[in-house]
C-alpha atoms as a PDB file:
ATOM      1  CA  MET A   1     211.095 -44.360 130.029  1.00  0.00           C
ATOM      2  CA  HIS A   2     208.990 -41.137 129.989  1.00  0.00           C
ATOM      3  CA  TYR A   3     206.642 -41.258 132.192  1.00  0.00           C
ATOM      4  CA  ALA A   4     203.682 -40.047 130.091  1.00  0.00           C
ATOM      5  CA  LEU A   5     203.125 -43.960 128.914  1.00  0.00           C
ATOM      6  CA  ASP A   6     202.504 -44.791 132.003  1.00  0.00           C
ATOM      7  CA  TYR A   7     198.548 -44.148 131.430  1.00  0.00           C
ATOM      8  CA  TYR A   8     197.918 -45.739 128.380  1.00  0.00           C
ATOM      9  CA  VAL A   9     196.703 -49.857 128.497  1.00  0.00           C
ATOM     10  CA  LYS A  10     198.244 -52.172 126.363  1.00  0.00           C
ATOM     11  CA  THR A  11     195.719 -54.993 127.346  1.00  0.00           C
ATOM     12  CA  ALA A  12     191.321 -55.766 125.947  1.00  0.00           C
ATOM     13  CA  PRO A  13     189.502 -53.445 127.594  1.00  0.00           C
ATOM     14  CA  SER A  14     188.057 -55.359 130.872  1.00  0.00           C
ATOM     15  CA  TYR A  15     186.854 -54.814 134.183  1.00  0.00           C
ATOM     16  CA  GLN A  16     189.563 -55.584 135.790  1.00  0.00           C
ATOM     17  CA  THR A  17     191.824 -52.695 133.660  1.00  0.00           C
ATOM     18  CA  ALA A  18     188.499 -49.533 134.883  1.00  0.00           C
ATOM     19  CA  THR A  19     189.425 -50.670 137.901  1.00  0.00           C
ATOM     20  CA  SER A  20     193.198 -51.450 138.683  1.00  0.00           C
ATOM     21  CA  ILE A  21     193.836 -48.189 138.423  1.00  0.00           C
ATOM     22  CA  PHE A  22     192.543 -47.519 141.655  1.00  0.00           C
ATOM     23  CA  LYS A  23     194.807 -50.599 142.343  1.00  0.00           C
ATOM     24  CA  ASP A  24     195.298 -51.435 146.336  1.00  0.00           C
ATOM     25  CA  GLU A  25     192.511 -48.228 146.489  1.00  0.00           C
ATOM     26  CA  TRP A  26     189.076 -49.907 146.232  1.00  0.00           C
ATOM     27  CA  ILE A  27     186.999 -50.680 149.065  1.00  0.00           C
ATOM     28  CA  SER A  28     183.577 -52.416 148.721  1.00  0.00           C
ATOM     29  CA  ILE A  29     183.807 -55.919 147.027  1.00  0.00           C
ATOM     30  CA  PHE A  30     182.408 -55.435 143.979  1.00  0.00           C
ATOM     31  CA  PRO A  31     179.492 -57.938 142.982  1.00  0.00           C
ATOM     32  CA  ALA A  32     180.510 -62.282 141.972  1.00  0.00           C
ATOM     33  CA  GLN A  33     179.335 -61.202 138.740  1.00  0.00           C
ATOM     34  CA  TYR A  34     181.624 -58.218 137.129  1.00  0.00           C
ATOM     35  CA  GLN A  35     184.979 -61.578 138.557  1.00  0.00           C
ATOM     36  CA  ILE A  36     186.994 -58.145 139.142  1.00  0.00           C
ATOM     37  CA  GLU A  37     189.453 -58.514 142.101  1.00  0.00           C
ATOM     38  CA  GLY A  38     188.231 -55.156 144.635  1.00  0.00           C
ATOM     39  CA  GLY A  39     188.864 -54.280 148.302  1.00  0.00           C
ATOM     40  CA  PHE A  40     187.271 -55.679 151.148  1.00  0.00           C
ATOM     41  CA  ALA A  41     184.323 -54.405 152.880  1.00  0.00           C
ATOM     42  CA  PRO A  42     180.878 -56.078 150.891  1.00  0.00           C
ATOM     43  CA  LEU A  43     179.415 -52.757 150.014  1.00  0.00           C
ATOM     44  CA  PHE A  44     177.042 -54.001 147.289  1.00  0.00           C
ATOM     45  CA  GLU A  45     176.081 -56.152 148.960  1.00  0.00           C
ATOM     46  CA  ASP A  46     175.138 -54.159 152.439  1.00  0.00           C
ATOM     47  CA  ALA A  47     172.426 -54.881 154.944  1.00  0.00           C
ATOM     48  CA  ARG A  48     172.528 -51.460 156.066  1.00  0.00           C
ATOM     49  CA  ALA A  49     170.792 -50.325 152.718  1.00  0.00           C
ATOM     50  CA  ILE A  50     169.024 -52.969 152.116  1.00  0.00           C
ATOM     51  CA  TRP A  51     167.318 -52.372 155.666  1.00  0.00           C
ATOM     52  CA  ALA A  52     167.328 -48.964 155.557  1.00  0.00           C
ATOM     53  CA  ILE A  53     165.182 -48.833 151.681  1.00  0.00           C
ATOM     54  CA  ASP A  54     162.691 -51.318 152.983  1.00  0.00           C
ATOM     55  CA  LYS A  55     161.909 -48.782 155.768  1.00  0.00           C
ATOM     56  CA  LEU A  56     161.991 -46.465 153.477  1.00  0.00           C
ATOM     57  CA  GLY A  57     158.862 -48.407 152.161  1.00  0.00           C
ATOM     58  CA  GLY A  58     160.694 -49.349 149.155  1.00  0.00           C
ATOM     59  CA  VAL A  59     162.092 -46.357 146.689  1.00  0.00           C
ATOM     60  CA  ALA A  60     160.738 -47.878 143.494  1.00  0.00           C
ATOM     61  CA  GLY A  61     160.058 -44.990 140.707  1.00  0.00           C
ATOM     62  CA  LYS A  62     161.713 -42.204 143.610  1.00  0.00           C
ATOM     63  CA  SER A  63     164.181 -39.822 143.077  1.00  0.00           C
ATOM     64  CA  VAL A  64     167.245 -40.015 145.625  1.00  0.00           C
ATOM     65  CA  LEU A  65     169.974 -37.938 146.507  1.00  0.00           C
ATOM     66  CA  GLU A  66     172.772 -39.191 147.800  1.00  0.00           C
ATOM     67  CA  LEU A  67     175.652 -37.685 149.639  1.00  0.00           C
ATOM     68  CA  GLY A  68     179.337 -39.476 149.547  1.00  0.00           C
ATOM     69  CA  PRO A  69     178.422 -42.692 147.176  1.00  0.00           C
ATOM     70  CA  MET A  70     182.426 -43.408 147.687  1.00  0.00           C
ATOM     71  CA  GLU A  71     182.229 -46.305 144.988  1.00  0.00           C
ATOM     72  CA  GLY A  72     179.234 -46.202 144.175  1.00  0.00           C
ATOM     73  CA  ALA A  73     178.132 -49.363 145.542  1.00  0.00           C
ATOM     74  CA  HIS A  74     174.677 -48.592 147.103  1.00  0.00           C
ATOM     75  CA  SER A  75     174.017 -46.408 143.639  1.00  0.00           C
ATOM     76  CA  TYR A  76     173.857 -49.640 142.250  1.00  0.00           C
ATOM     77  CA  LEU A  77     171.973 -51.299 145.282  1.00  0.00           C
ATOM     78  CA  LEU A  78     169.542 -48.182 145.479  1.00  0.00           C
ATOM     79  CA  GLU A  79     168.617 -48.326 141.200  1.00  0.00           C
ATOM     80  CA  LYS A  80     169.847 -52.210 140.542  1.00  0.00           C
ATOM     81  CA  LYS A  81     167.316 -53.473 143.849  1.00  0.00           C
ATOM     82  CA  GLY A  82     165.558 -50.763 144.818  1.00  0.00           C
ATOM     83  CA  ASP A  83     164.785 -49.865 141.347  1.00  0.00           C
ATOM     84  CA  ALA A  84     164.876 -45.656 142.094  1.00  0.00           C
ATOM     85  CA  ALA A  85     163.871 -43.031 139.187  1.00  0.00           C
ATOM     86  CA  SER A  86     166.571 -41.085 139.942  1.00  0.00           C
ATOM     87  CA  ILE A  87     170.391 -41.231 142.330  1.00  0.00           C
ATOM     88  CA  LEU A  88     172.533 -38.328 142.421  1.00  0.00           C
ATOM     89  CA  GLY A  89     175.750 -38.429 144.355  1.00  0.00           C
ATOM     90  CA  ILE A  90     177.396 -35.996 145.952  1.00  0.00           C
ATOM     91  CA  GLU A  91     181.876 -36.500 146.244  1.00  0.00           C
ATOM     92  CA  ALA A  92     184.275 -34.658 147.156  1.00  0.00           C
ATOM     93  CA  ASN A  93     186.502 -36.393 147.645  1.00  0.00           C
ATOM     94  CA  THR A  94     188.373 -36.808 143.621  1.00  0.00           C
ATOM     95  CA  LYS A  95     189.585 -40.196 143.861  1.00  0.00           C
ATOM     96  CA  CYS A  96     186.106 -41.399 144.833  1.00  0.00           C
ATOM     97  CA  PHE A  97     184.053 -39.603 142.635  1.00  0.00           C
ATOM     98  CA  LEU A  98     186.523 -41.360 139.779  1.00  0.00           C
ATOM     99  CA  ARG A  99     185.064 -44.954 141.447  1.00  0.00           C
ATOM    100  CA  CYS A 100     182.182 -44.059 141.946  1.00  0.00           C
ATOM    101  CA  LEU A 101     182.447 -43.441 137.816  1.00  0.00           C
ATOM    102  CA  VAL A 102     184.609 -47.585 137.252  1.00  0.00           C
ATOM    103  CA  THR A 103     181.547 -48.267 139.054  1.00  0.00           C
ATOM    104  CA  LYS A 104     178.968 -46.524 136.565  1.00  0.00           C
ATOM    105  CA  GLU A 105     180.285 -48.510 133.974  1.00  0.00           C
ATOM    106  CA  VAL A 106     181.306 -52.143 135.613  1.00  0.00           C
ATOM    107  CA  THR A 107     177.549 -52.191 136.454  1.00  0.00           C
ATOM    108  CA  ASN A 108     175.993 -50.705 134.464  1.00  0.00           C
ATOM    109  CA  LEU A 109     174.411 -48.217 136.097  1.00  0.00           C
ATOM    110  CA  GLN A 110     171.913 -46.356 133.847  1.00  0.00           C
ATOM    111  CA  ARG A 111     169.902 -43.747 136.077  1.00  0.00           C
ATOM    112  CA  VAL A 112     172.703 -42.594 138.524  1.00  0.00           C
ATOM    113  CA  ARG A 113     173.971 -38.742 138.278  1.00  0.00           C
ATOM    114  CA  TYR A 114     177.569 -37.727 139.955  1.00  0.00           C
ATOM    115  CA  LEU A 115     178.464 -34.707 140.393  1.00  0.00           C
ATOM    116  CA  CYS A 116     182.305 -34.326 142.091  1.00  0.00           C
ATOM    117  CA  GLY A 117     182.526 -31.640 144.589  1.00  0.00           C
ATOM    118  CA  ASP A 118     180.753 -30.358 148.454  1.00  0.00           C
ATOM    119  CA  PHE A 119     177.673 -31.634 149.936  1.00  0.00           C
ATOM    120  CA  VAL A 120     176.729 -29.046 151.788  1.00  0.00           C
ATOM    121  CA  GLU A 121     177.462 -25.880 149.386  1.00  0.00           C
ATOM    122  CA  PHE A 122     175.587 -28.177 147.140  1.00  0.00           C
ATOM    123  CA  LEU A 123     172.593 -28.273 149.951  1.00  0.00           C
ATOM    124  CA  LYS A 124     172.737 -23.656 150.409  1.00  0.00           C
ATOM    125  CA  GLN A 125     172.816 -23.274 146.597  1.00  0.00           C
ATOM    126  CA  THR A 126     169.958 -26.462 145.305  1.00  0.00           C
ATOM    127  CA  ASP A 127     166.310 -25.831 145.791  1.00  0.00           C
ATOM    128  CA  GLN A 128     166.084 -29.650 144.168  1.00  0.00           C
ATOM    129  CA  THR A 129     164.173 -31.262 146.302  1.00  0.00           C
ATOM    130  CA  PHE A 130     164.057 -35.197 146.497  1.00  0.00           C
ATOM    131  CA  ASP A 131     161.766 -37.982 147.813  1.00  0.00           C
ATOM    132  CA  VAL A 132     164.687 -39.699 149.340  1.00  0.00           C
ATOM    133  CA  CYS A 133     168.334 -38.661 151.485  1.00  0.00           C
ATOM    134  CA  PHE A 134     170.684 -41.616 151.391  1.00  0.00           C
ATOM    135  CA  ALA A 135     173.658 -39.983 153.830  1.00  0.00           C
ATOM    136  CA  SER A 136     175.194 -43.173 154.838  1.00  0.00           C
ATOM    137  CA  GLY A 137     178.401 -42.728 156.865  1.00  0.00           C
ATOM    138  CA  VAL A 138     178.643 -38.981 156.562  1.00  0.00           C
ATOM    139  CA  LEU A 139     177.677 -36.846 159.112  1.00  0.00           C
ATOM    140  CA  TYR A 140     179.929 -37.954 161.641  1.00  0.00           C
ATOM    141  CA  HIS A 141     182.764 -35.896 159.197  1.00  0.00           C
ATOM    142  CA  MET A 142     181.166 -32.684 159.330  1.00  0.00           C
ATOM    143  CA  VAL A 143     181.941 -29.789 162.032  1.00  0.00           C
ATOM    144  CA  ASN A 144     178.062 -29.035 162.000  1.00  0.00           C
ATOM    145  CA  PRO A 145     176.395 -32.070 161.368  1.00  0.00           C
ATOM    146  CA  ILE A 146     172.683 -29.758 163.431  1.00  0.00           C
ATOM    147  CA  MET A 147     172.751 -27.633 160.652  1.00  0.00           C
ATOM    148  CA  VAL A 148     172.901 -30.794 157.625  1.00  0.00           C
ATOM    149  CA  LEU A 149     170.317 -32.457 159.422  1.00  0.00           C
ATOM    150  CA  GLY A 150     168.557 -28.933 159.068  1.00  0.00           C
ATOM    151  CA  LEU A 151     169.516 -28.741 155.615  1.00  0.00           C
ATOM    152  CA  LEU A 152     168.103 -32.236 154.051  1.00  0.00           C
ATOM    153  CA  LYS A 153     165.236 -32.036 155.710  1.00  0.00           C
ATOM    154  CA  GLU A 154     164.244 -28.780 153.174  1.00  0.00           C
ATOM    155  CA  ARG A 155     164.907 -31.028 150.241  1.00  0.00           C
ATOM    156  CA  CYS A 156     163.817 -34.173 151.066  1.00  0.00           C
ATOM    157  CA  LYS A 157     161.232 -36.286 152.235  1.00  0.00           C
ATOM    158  CA  LYS A 158     162.707 -39.329 153.855  1.00  0.00           C
ATOM    159  CA  MET A 159     165.739 -40.029 154.727  1.00  0.00           C
ATOM    160  CA  TYR A 160     168.240 -42.451 155.045  1.00  0.00           C
ATOM    161  CA  LEU A 161     171.151 -41.704 158.040  1.00  0.00           C
ATOM    162  CA  TRP A 162     174.753 -43.722 158.574  1.00  0.00           C
ATOM    163  CA  THR A 163     176.685 -42.590 161.344  1.00  0.00           C
ATOM    164  CA  HIS A 164     179.331 -42.879 164.136  1.00  0.00           C
ATOM    165  CA  TYR A 165     177.468 -41.331 167.695  1.00  0.00           C
ATOM    166  CA  PHE A 166     179.832 -40.420 170.580  1.00  0.00           C
ATOM    167  CA  ASP A 167     180.055 -41.959 173.829  1.00  0.00           C
ATOM    168  CA  GLU A 168     181.785 -40.786 176.821  1.00  0.00           C
ATOM    169  CA  ASN A 169     182.268 -44.264 178.283  1.00  0.00           C
ATOM    170  CA  ILE A 170     183.730 -45.862 176.119  1.00  0.00           C
ATOM    171  CA  LEU A 171     186.347 -43.469 176.106  1.00  0.00           C
ATOM    172  CA  GLN A 172     187.899 -45.647 178.986  1.00  0.00           C
ATOM    173  CA  HIS A 173     188.531 -48.674 178.234  1.00  0.00           C
ATOM    174  CA  SER A 174     189.825 -48.328 174.562  1.00  0.00           C
ATOM    175  CA  VAL A 175     192.767 -46.516 174.088  1.00  0.00           C
ATOM    176  CA  ASP A 176     192.727 -45.841 170.407  1.00  0.00           C
ATOM    177  CA  TYR A 177     188.783 -44.238 170.830  1.00  0.00           C
ATOM    178  CA  ARG A 178     190.399 -41.426 173.892  1.00  0.00           C
ATOM    179  CA  LEU A 179     192.679 -40.736 171.212  1.00  0.00           C
ATOM    180  CA  ARG A 180     191.428 -39.793 168.497  1.00  0.00           C
ATOM    181  CA  PHE A 181     188.925 -37.042 170.565  1.00  0.00           C
ATOM    182  CA  SER A 182     190.376 -34.040 171.823  1.00  0.00           C
ATOM    183  CA  GLY A 183     187.868 -31.960 173.991  1.00  0.00           C
ATOM    184  CA  SER A 184     183.993 -30.966 173.698  1.00  0.00           C
ATOM    185  CA  GLN A 185     182.449 -28.025 173.359  1.00  0.00           C
ATOM    186  CA  SER A 186     178.338 -26.331 173.264  1.00  0.00           C
ATOM    187  CA  ALA A 187     177.171 -25.662 170.255  1.00  0.00           C
ATOM    188  CA  SER A 188     173.817 -24.014 169.246  1.00  0.00           C
ATOM    189  CA  GLU A 189     172.170 -24.309 166.070  1.00  0.00           C
ATOM    190  CA  TYR A 190     168.821 -23.644 164.844  1.00  0.00           C
ATOM    191  CA  GLY A 191     168.598 -22.953 168.617  1.00  0.00           C
ATOM    192  CA  PHE A 192     168.939 -26.121 169.360  1.00  0.00           C
ATOM    193  CA  ALA A 193     171.941 -25.924 172.011  1.00  0.00           C
ATOM    194  CA  HIS A 194     174.327 -29.826 171.510  1.00  0.00           C
ATOM    195  CA  THR A 195     177.579 -31.111 172.004  1.00  0.00           C
ATOM    196  CA  LEU A 196     180.661 -31.338 169.944  1.00  0.00           C
ATOM    197  CA  TYR A 197     183.288 -33.631 170.528  1.00  0.00           C
ATOM    198  CA  GLN A 198     186.245 -32.802 168.679  1.00  0.00           C
ATOM    199  CA  HIS A 199     187.357 -36.395 166.290  1.00  0.00           C
ATOM    200  CA  ASN A 200     190.482 -35.998 164.838  1.00  0.00           C
ATOM    201  CA  TYR A 201     191.297 -38.459 161.785  1.00  0.00           C
ATOM    202  CA  LEU A 202     195.288 -38.309 162.319  1.00  0.00           C
ATOM    203  CA  GLN A 203     197.158 -40.517 160.811  1.00  0.00           C
ATOM    204  CA  ALA A 204     194.639 -41.946 158.440  1.00  0.00           C
ATOM    205  CA  LEU A 205     195.382 -37.859 157.139  1.00  0.00           C
ATOM    206  CA  ASP A 206     198.218 -40.280 155.348  1.00  0.00           C
ATOM    207  CA  SER A 207     196.203 -43.604 154.247  1.00  0.00           C
ATOM    208  CA  LYS A 208     195.355 -43.898 150.922  1.00  0.00           C
ATOM    209  CA  LEU A 209     192.798 -45.651 151.263  1.00  0.00           C
ATOM    210  CA  PHE A 210     191.251 -42.329 153.382  1.00  0.00           C
ATOM    211  CA  ILE A 211     188.128 -41.069 152.955  1.00  0.00           C
ATOM    212  CA  GLY A 212     186.662 -38.890 155.728  1.00  0.00           C
ATOM    213  CA  GLY A 213     185.954 -35.030 155.420  1.00  0.00           C
ATOM    214  CA  THR A 214     187.263 -32.313 153.642  1.00  0.00           C
ATOM    215  CA  LEU A 215     189.141 -31.032 157.913  1.00  0.00           C
ATOM    216  CA  PRO A 216     191.733 -32.535 159.831  1.00  0.00           C
ATOM    217  CA  PHE A 217     188.820 -32.663 162.645  1.00  0.00           C
ATOM    218  CA  SER A 218     184.460 -33.073 162.439  1.00  0.00           C
ATOM    219  CA  ASN A 219     181.844 -33.294 165.032  1.00  0.00           C
ATOM    220  CA  TRP A 220     180.952 -35.997 166.505  1.00  0.00           C
ATOM    221  CA  LEU A 221     176.854 -35.744 168.323  1.00  0.00           C
ATOM    222  CA  SER A 222     176.122 -37.620 170.864  1.00  0.00           C
ATOM    223  CA  ARG A 223     173.353 -40.079 170.687  1.00  0.00           C
ATOM    224  CA  GLN A 224     170.792 -38.423 172.832  1.00  0.00           C
ATOM    225  CA  ASP A 225     171.887 -35.312 171.221  1.00  0.00           C
ATOM    226  CA  LEU A 226     171.934 -36.573 167.047  1.00  0.00           C
ATOM    227  CA  LEU A 227     168.177 -38.421 167.748  1.00  0.00           C
ATOM    228  CA  ALA A 228     166.586 -35.025 170.201  1.00  0.00           C
ATOM    229  CA  GLY A 229     168.491 -33.366 166.337  1.00  0.00           C
ATOM    230  CA  LEU A 230     166.381 -35.146 163.789  1.00  0.00           C
ATOM    231  CA  ASN A 231     163.375 -34.063 165.968  1.00  0.00           C
ATOM    232  CA  HIS A 232     164.555 -30.078 166.186  1.00  0.00           C
ATOM    233  CA  VAL A 233     165.099 -29.725 162.595  1.00  0.00           C
ATOM    234  CA  GLY A 234     161.649 -31.011 161.773  1.00  0.00           C
ATOM    235  CA  PHE A 235     162.348 -34.866 161.646  1.00  0.00           C
ATOM    236  CA  GLN A 236     159.935 -37.693 162.892  1.00  0.00           C
ATOM    237  CA  ILE A 237     162.299 -41.428 163.631  1.00  0.00           C
ATOM    238  CA  ASP A 238     160.349 -43.838 161.733  1.00  0.00           C
ATOM    239  CA  ALA A 239     162.907 -46.684 162.551  1.00  0.00           C
ATOM    240  CA  ILE A 240     166.616 -47.916 163.962  1.00  0.00           C
ATOM    241  CA  SER A 241     168.363 -51.001 163.838  1.00  0.00           C
ATOM    242  CA  PHE A 242     172.400 -51.808 163.800  1.00  0.00           C
ATOM    243  CA  ASP A 243     172.637 -49.297 167.262  1.00  0.00           C
ATOM    244  CA  ASP A 244     176.264 -51.508 167.893  1.00  0.00           C
ATOM    245  CA  PRO A 245     177.796 -49.378 170.630  1.00  0.00           C
ATOM    246  CA  ILE A 246     180.810 -51.420 170.286  1.00  0.00           C
ATOM    247  CA  TYR A 247     181.228 -50.592 166.089  1.00  0.00           C
ATOM    248  CA  PRO A 248     185.569 -50.319 165.153  1.00  0.00           C
ATOM    249  CA  ASN A 249     185.743 -46.888 164.926  1.00  0.00           C
ATOM    250  CA  GLY A 250     183.081 -45.881 167.524  1.00  0.00           C
ATOM    251  CA  PRO A 251     179.494 -46.286 168.486  1.00  0.00           C
ATOM    252  CA  ALA A 252     176.830 -46.384 165.042  1.00  0.00           C
ATOM    253  CA  LEU A 253     174.020 -46.777 164.322  1.00  0.00           C
ATOM    254  CA  ALA A 254     171.004 -46.960 160.922  1.00  0.00           C
ATOM    255  CA  ILE A 255     168.042 -44.168 160.852  1.00  0.00           C
ATOM    256  CA  VAL A 256     165.674 -43.777 158.715  1.00  0.00           C
ATOM    257  CA  ALA A 257     163.443 -41.190 159.418  1.00  0.00           C
ATOM    258  CA  SER A 258     161.008 -37.998 157.489  1.00  0.00           C
ATOM    259  CA  VAL A 259     160.213 -34.782 157.639  1.00  0.00           C
ATOM    260  CA  ARG A 260     157.391 -33.898 160.221  1.00  0.00           C
ATOM    261  CA  GLU A 261     154.419 -32.410 158.695  1.00  0.00           C
END
């Protein structure tokens, strides 16, 4: 057999043909009307994202910057349910970027653009501003999370953030949680003193479902430093929900915040 021919499809076009390019790699469950075999997480109907759109005062007619769209599920909600005017998704994971493009075609998204690259570098270099930033599942993959929050303050008026946070107490009760962390260090960014807790991806790096950061580790913030850091860089917190200290893979919460005038 010729290896090059493995990349050809010999059946009529279908949505499933497109998604099967990444067979067994999808995380999101596609909406039922598309009749597609996908992943295991109901992200196209994510209650956290729906809550965020409401607490943001809606996104209809607004420009949205989406950090790490992964597979485009939240992009779908922002356009189809939120009626956003434009959505720009920045994705560093090349396979996730391509899955976003598949989702865009399958669900016929018209107001979404995806760019492949590191959103931290994008934030440092761009002069674009946005009405809203959607930052779901990305902050805890950063090595300098406070710097990222400061960059976002310059680029958006409002923000939705869902993130894990570090909790010392859980180290005493979870062996898996304890193994993934390897100490802490004091840090200062924008004059804000805080503690970074090194989180290591370990064997997760060998999984084809890995959707973490660009390095073998990231740095987590405590809940207290996260909230204080948001305030320090110029955000005011408008709403908090889904605050779950026993969430799988670590404590997590959802925040909607706006830039303080």
